[in-house]
N, C-alpha and C. Protein backbone atom coordinates (compact mmCIF):
# COMPACT_ATOMS: atom_id res chain seq x y z
N MET A 1 103.62 37.86 -41.90
CA MET A 1 104.44 37.89 -43.10
C MET A 1 103.66 38.63 -44.18
N LYS A 2 104.32 39.56 -44.80
CA LYS A 2 103.70 40.28 -45.90
C LYS A 2 104.40 39.89 -47.18
N ASN A 3 103.64 39.56 -48.18
CA ASN A 3 104.20 39.16 -49.47
C ASN A 3 103.48 39.95 -50.56
N GLN A 4 104.21 40.24 -51.61
CA GLN A 4 103.62 41.00 -52.71
C GLN A 4 102.48 40.23 -53.35
N SER A 5 102.45 38.93 -53.21
CA SER A 5 101.42 38.12 -53.86
C SER A 5 100.52 37.46 -52.82
N GLU A 6 100.05 38.26 -51.86
CA GLU A 6 99.25 37.71 -50.76
C GLU A 6 97.95 37.06 -51.22
N ASP A 7 97.43 37.48 -52.36
CA ASP A 7 96.17 36.94 -52.83
C ASP A 7 96.33 35.62 -53.59
N ILE A 8 97.55 35.21 -53.83
CA ILE A 8 97.82 33.99 -54.58
C ILE A 8 97.92 32.81 -53.62
N ASP A 9 97.25 31.73 -53.97
CA ASP A 9 97.33 30.52 -53.15
C ASP A 9 98.64 29.81 -53.49
N ASP A 10 99.54 29.76 -52.53
CA ASP A 10 100.85 29.17 -52.74
C ASP A 10 101.13 28.19 -51.61
N PRO A 11 101.04 26.90 -51.87
CA PRO A 11 101.25 25.90 -50.81
C PRO A 11 102.63 26.01 -50.15
N LEU A 12 103.65 26.40 -50.91
CA LEU A 12 104.98 26.54 -50.31
C LEU A 12 104.98 27.67 -49.28
N LEU A 13 104.37 28.79 -49.64
CA LEU A 13 104.32 29.90 -48.68
C LEU A 13 103.42 29.57 -47.50
N ASP A 14 102.38 28.79 -47.72
CA ASP A 14 101.52 28.37 -46.62
C ASP A 14 102.34 27.61 -45.57
N THR A 15 103.26 26.78 -46.03
CA THR A 15 104.12 26.03 -45.11
C THR A 15 105.06 26.97 -44.36
N VAL A 16 105.58 27.96 -45.06
CA VAL A 16 106.49 28.93 -44.45
C VAL A 16 105.79 29.70 -43.33
N VAL A 17 104.53 30.05 -43.55
CA VAL A 17 103.77 30.81 -42.56
C VAL A 17 103.78 30.11 -41.21
N GLU A 18 103.68 28.78 -41.22
CA GLU A 18 103.67 28.01 -39.97
C GLU A 18 104.96 28.19 -39.17
N HIS A 19 106.05 28.51 -39.84
CA HIS A 19 107.36 28.60 -39.19
C HIS A 19 107.94 30.01 -39.26
N TRP A 20 107.10 30.97 -39.62
CA TRP A 20 107.57 32.32 -39.89
C TRP A 20 108.30 32.96 -38.71
N GLU A 21 107.79 32.81 -37.50
CA GLU A 21 108.43 33.44 -36.34
C GLU A 21 109.86 32.96 -36.16
N SER A 22 110.10 31.66 -36.29
CA SER A 22 111.47 31.15 -36.13
C SER A 22 112.35 31.55 -37.30
N ILE A 23 111.77 31.66 -38.50
CA ILE A 23 112.54 32.08 -39.67
C ILE A 23 113.02 33.51 -39.47
N VAL A 24 112.12 34.39 -39.07
CA VAL A 24 112.48 35.80 -38.86
C VAL A 24 113.47 35.94 -37.71
N ALA A 25 113.26 35.19 -36.64
CA ALA A 25 114.18 35.27 -35.49
C ALA A 25 115.60 34.89 -35.93
N GLY A 26 115.72 33.84 -36.74
CA GLY A 26 117.04 33.45 -37.24
C GLY A 26 117.64 34.49 -38.15
N TYR A 27 116.82 35.05 -39.02
CA TYR A 27 117.31 36.07 -39.95
C TYR A 27 117.80 37.30 -39.20
N LYS A 28 117.06 37.72 -38.21
CA LYS A 28 117.40 38.95 -37.49
C LYS A 28 118.73 38.83 -36.75
N GLN A 29 119.14 37.63 -36.40
CA GLN A 29 120.44 37.43 -35.75
C GLN A 29 121.58 37.85 -36.66
N PHE A 30 121.37 37.74 -37.97
CA PHE A 30 122.42 38.05 -38.95
C PHE A 30 121.96 39.10 -39.95
N GLU A 31 120.96 39.87 -39.57
CA GLU A 31 120.34 40.84 -40.47
C GLU A 31 121.36 41.78 -41.12
N ASP A 32 122.36 42.19 -40.38
CA ASP A 32 123.36 43.12 -40.92
C ASP A 32 124.17 42.51 -42.06
N LYS A 33 124.21 41.18 -42.14
CA LYS A 33 124.94 40.50 -43.21
C LYS A 33 124.03 40.15 -44.39
N ARG A 34 122.73 40.37 -44.24
CA ARG A 34 121.73 40.09 -45.28
C ARG A 34 121.88 38.69 -45.88
N PRO A 35 121.76 37.66 -45.04
CA PRO A 35 121.91 36.29 -45.57
C PRO A 35 120.74 35.88 -46.45
N ILE A 36 120.99 34.85 -47.23
CA ILE A 36 119.93 34.19 -47.99
C ILE A 36 119.32 33.16 -47.06
N VAL A 37 118.00 33.11 -47.02
CA VAL A 37 117.29 32.16 -46.18
C VAL A 37 116.84 30.99 -47.05
N LEU A 38 117.08 29.78 -46.56
CA LEU A 38 116.60 28.57 -47.22
C LEU A 38 115.77 27.80 -46.20
N TYR A 39 114.52 27.53 -46.56
CA TYR A 39 113.67 26.71 -45.70
C TYR A 39 113.45 25.39 -46.40
N ASP A 40 113.82 24.30 -45.73
CA ASP A 40 113.64 22.96 -46.27
C ASP A 40 112.36 22.37 -45.68
N ILE A 41 111.40 22.10 -46.55
CA ILE A 41 110.09 21.63 -46.10
C ILE A 41 110.16 20.28 -45.41
N GLN A 42 110.87 19.32 -46.01
CA GLN A 42 110.92 17.99 -45.41
C GLN A 42 111.65 17.99 -44.07
N GLU A 43 112.71 18.74 -43.98
CA GLU A 43 113.47 18.80 -42.73
C GLU A 43 112.84 19.74 -41.71
N GLU A 44 111.93 20.62 -42.20
CA GLU A 44 111.35 21.68 -41.37
C GLU A 44 112.47 22.45 -40.68
N ARG A 45 113.44 22.84 -41.49
CA ARG A 45 114.63 23.50 -40.96
C ARG A 45 114.96 24.75 -41.77
N VAL A 46 115.46 25.75 -41.07
CA VAL A 46 115.86 27.01 -41.68
C VAL A 46 117.38 27.05 -41.77
N TYR A 47 117.87 27.42 -42.94
CA TYR A 47 119.31 27.60 -43.15
C TYR A 47 119.55 29.04 -43.57
N LEU A 48 120.63 29.62 -43.09
CA LEU A 48 121.03 30.97 -43.48
C LEU A 48 122.40 30.87 -44.14
N TYR A 49 122.52 31.47 -45.32
CA TYR A 49 123.77 31.40 -46.07
C TYR A 49 124.27 32.79 -46.42
N PRO A 50 125.57 33.00 -46.37
CA PRO A 50 126.10 34.25 -46.92
C PRO A 50 125.74 34.31 -48.41
N TYR A 51 125.40 35.48 -48.87
CA TYR A 51 124.96 35.68 -50.25
C TYR A 51 125.94 35.07 -51.25
N GLU A 52 127.21 35.42 -51.15
CA GLU A 52 128.19 34.96 -52.14
C GLU A 52 128.31 33.43 -52.15
N ASP A 53 128.28 32.81 -50.97
CA ASP A 53 128.38 31.34 -50.90
C ASP A 53 127.18 30.69 -51.59
N PHE A 54 126.01 31.22 -51.31
CA PHE A 54 124.79 30.65 -51.91
C PHE A 54 124.82 30.84 -53.42
N LYS A 55 125.16 32.04 -53.85
CA LYS A 55 125.19 32.36 -55.27
C LYS A 55 126.18 31.47 -56.02
N ASN A 56 127.34 31.24 -55.42
CA ASN A 56 128.38 30.47 -56.09
C ASN A 56 128.01 29.01 -56.31
N ASP A 57 127.01 28.52 -55.60
CA ASP A 57 126.55 27.13 -55.78
C ASP A 57 125.45 27.01 -56.84
N MET A 58 125.12 28.12 -57.50
CA MET A 58 124.04 28.13 -58.48
C MET A 58 124.59 28.14 -59.90
N SER A 59 123.72 27.81 -60.84
CA SER A 59 124.09 27.88 -62.25
C SER A 59 124.26 29.36 -62.63
N PRO A 60 124.99 29.64 -63.70
CA PRO A 60 125.18 31.04 -64.12
C PRO A 60 123.85 31.78 -64.33
N LYS A 61 122.87 31.13 -64.93
CA LYS A 61 121.57 31.75 -65.16
C LYS A 61 120.88 32.08 -63.82
N SER A 62 120.94 31.15 -62.89
CA SER A 62 120.33 31.36 -61.58
C SER A 62 121.07 32.43 -60.79
N GLN A 63 122.39 32.53 -61.00
CA GLN A 63 123.17 33.57 -60.33
C GLN A 63 122.69 34.96 -60.73
N VAL A 64 122.40 35.14 -62.01
CA VAL A 64 121.91 36.43 -62.51
C VAL A 64 120.57 36.75 -61.86
N SER A 65 119.67 35.78 -61.84
CA SER A 65 118.35 35.97 -61.24
C SER A 65 118.47 36.31 -59.75
N LEU A 66 119.33 35.58 -59.04
CA LEU A 66 119.52 35.83 -57.61
C LEU A 66 120.08 37.23 -57.38
N ALA A 67 121.05 37.64 -58.20
CA ALA A 67 121.65 38.97 -58.04
C ALA A 67 120.57 40.05 -58.18
N GLU A 68 119.67 39.88 -59.13
CA GLU A 68 118.59 40.85 -59.33
C GLU A 68 117.64 40.86 -58.13
N GLN A 69 117.27 39.68 -57.66
CA GLN A 69 116.37 39.59 -56.50
C GLN A 69 117.02 40.18 -55.26
N TYR A 70 118.29 39.89 -55.06
CA TYR A 70 119.00 40.34 -53.87
C TYR A 70 119.11 41.86 -53.87
N ALA A 71 119.40 42.44 -55.04
CA ALA A 71 119.49 43.90 -55.14
C ALA A 71 118.13 44.54 -54.85
N LEU A 72 117.07 43.98 -55.43
CA LEU A 72 115.73 44.51 -55.20
C LEU A 72 115.33 44.39 -53.72
N ALA A 73 115.59 43.23 -53.13
CA ALA A 73 115.27 43.03 -51.71
C ALA A 73 116.01 44.05 -50.85
N GLY A 74 117.26 44.32 -51.18
CA GLY A 74 118.03 45.31 -50.43
C GLY A 74 117.42 46.70 -50.53
N GLN A 75 116.99 47.07 -51.71
CA GLN A 75 116.36 48.38 -51.92
C GLN A 75 115.05 48.50 -51.14
N LEU A 76 114.33 47.40 -51.05
CA LEU A 76 113.02 47.39 -50.40
C LEU A 76 113.09 47.09 -48.90
N GLY A 77 114.27 46.71 -48.41
CA GLY A 77 114.41 46.34 -47.01
C GLY A 77 113.75 45.01 -46.69
N LYS A 78 113.83 44.09 -47.63
CA LYS A 78 113.21 42.77 -47.46
C LYS A 78 114.27 41.68 -47.53
N LEU A 79 113.85 40.44 -47.34
CA LEU A 79 114.79 39.33 -47.40
C LEU A 79 114.50 38.45 -48.62
N VAL A 80 115.55 37.73 -49.04
CA VAL A 80 115.40 36.75 -50.11
C VAL A 80 115.34 35.38 -49.45
N MET A 81 114.30 34.65 -49.79
CA MET A 81 114.10 33.33 -49.19
C MET A 81 113.84 32.31 -50.27
N PHE A 82 114.46 31.16 -50.12
CA PHE A 82 114.21 30.01 -50.98
C PHE A 82 113.49 28.97 -50.16
N VAL A 83 112.52 28.32 -50.79
CA VAL A 83 111.83 27.21 -50.16
C VAL A 83 112.11 25.98 -51.01
N ARG A 84 112.63 24.95 -50.34
CA ARG A 84 113.00 23.71 -51.03
C ARG A 84 112.04 22.60 -50.64
N ASP A 85 111.49 21.96 -51.65
CA ASP A 85 110.62 20.81 -51.46
C ASP A 85 111.25 19.67 -52.26
N ASN A 86 111.98 18.82 -51.58
CA ASN A 86 112.70 17.73 -52.25
C ASN A 86 111.76 16.70 -52.87
N GLU A 87 110.62 16.48 -52.24
CA GLU A 87 109.68 15.48 -52.77
C GLU A 87 109.12 15.94 -54.12
N ALA A 88 108.78 17.22 -54.22
CA ALA A 88 108.24 17.76 -55.46
C ALA A 88 109.34 18.26 -56.40
N LYS A 89 110.59 18.16 -55.92
CA LYS A 89 111.75 18.63 -56.70
C LYS A 89 111.57 20.09 -57.10
N LYS A 90 111.28 20.93 -56.09
CA LYS A 90 111.08 22.36 -56.33
C LYS A 90 112.02 23.16 -55.44
N LEU A 91 112.50 24.25 -56.00
CA LEU A 91 113.24 25.26 -55.26
C LEU A 91 112.71 26.60 -55.76
N VAL A 92 111.98 27.30 -54.90
CA VAL A 92 111.30 28.53 -55.30
C VAL A 92 111.81 29.67 -54.44
N SER A 93 112.03 30.83 -55.07
CA SER A 93 112.53 31.98 -54.33
C SER A 93 111.43 33.03 -54.16
N TYR A 94 111.57 33.79 -53.09
CA TYR A 94 110.63 34.84 -52.76
C TYR A 94 111.39 36.04 -52.21
N ILE A 95 110.81 37.21 -52.37
CA ILE A 95 111.27 38.40 -51.67
C ILE A 95 110.16 38.70 -50.65
N LEU A 96 110.51 38.68 -49.37
CA LEU A 96 109.49 38.78 -48.32
C LEU A 96 109.81 39.90 -47.33
N ASP A 97 108.75 40.50 -46.83
CA ASP A 97 108.86 41.54 -45.81
C ASP A 97 108.90 40.85 -44.45
N TYR A 98 109.95 41.09 -43.71
CA TYR A 98 110.10 40.42 -42.41
C TYR A 98 109.94 41.39 -41.24
N LYS A 99 109.68 42.65 -41.51
CA LYS A 99 109.60 43.63 -40.43
C LYS A 99 108.19 43.82 -39.94
């Protein structure tokens, strides 16, 4: 996995690395649709959502941020991934290189 912030210690991304192969394998099945990836830390499960469905469940402010990230990821040929940690009450997004 290549990330723009590889030098930054990020415990959420450290968890993703452990499951990266299965995350990418799932994404590639629907790559032509450019789904949003959600990884749930507690469930250790990967979810793939159509962009519009995922966006519509967000607040207006978050929708704007997601639209910007999604457009940038498309230009760069990368994916948009959210990591959810329910215990820490965190939902963090990343643009990641999956190729």
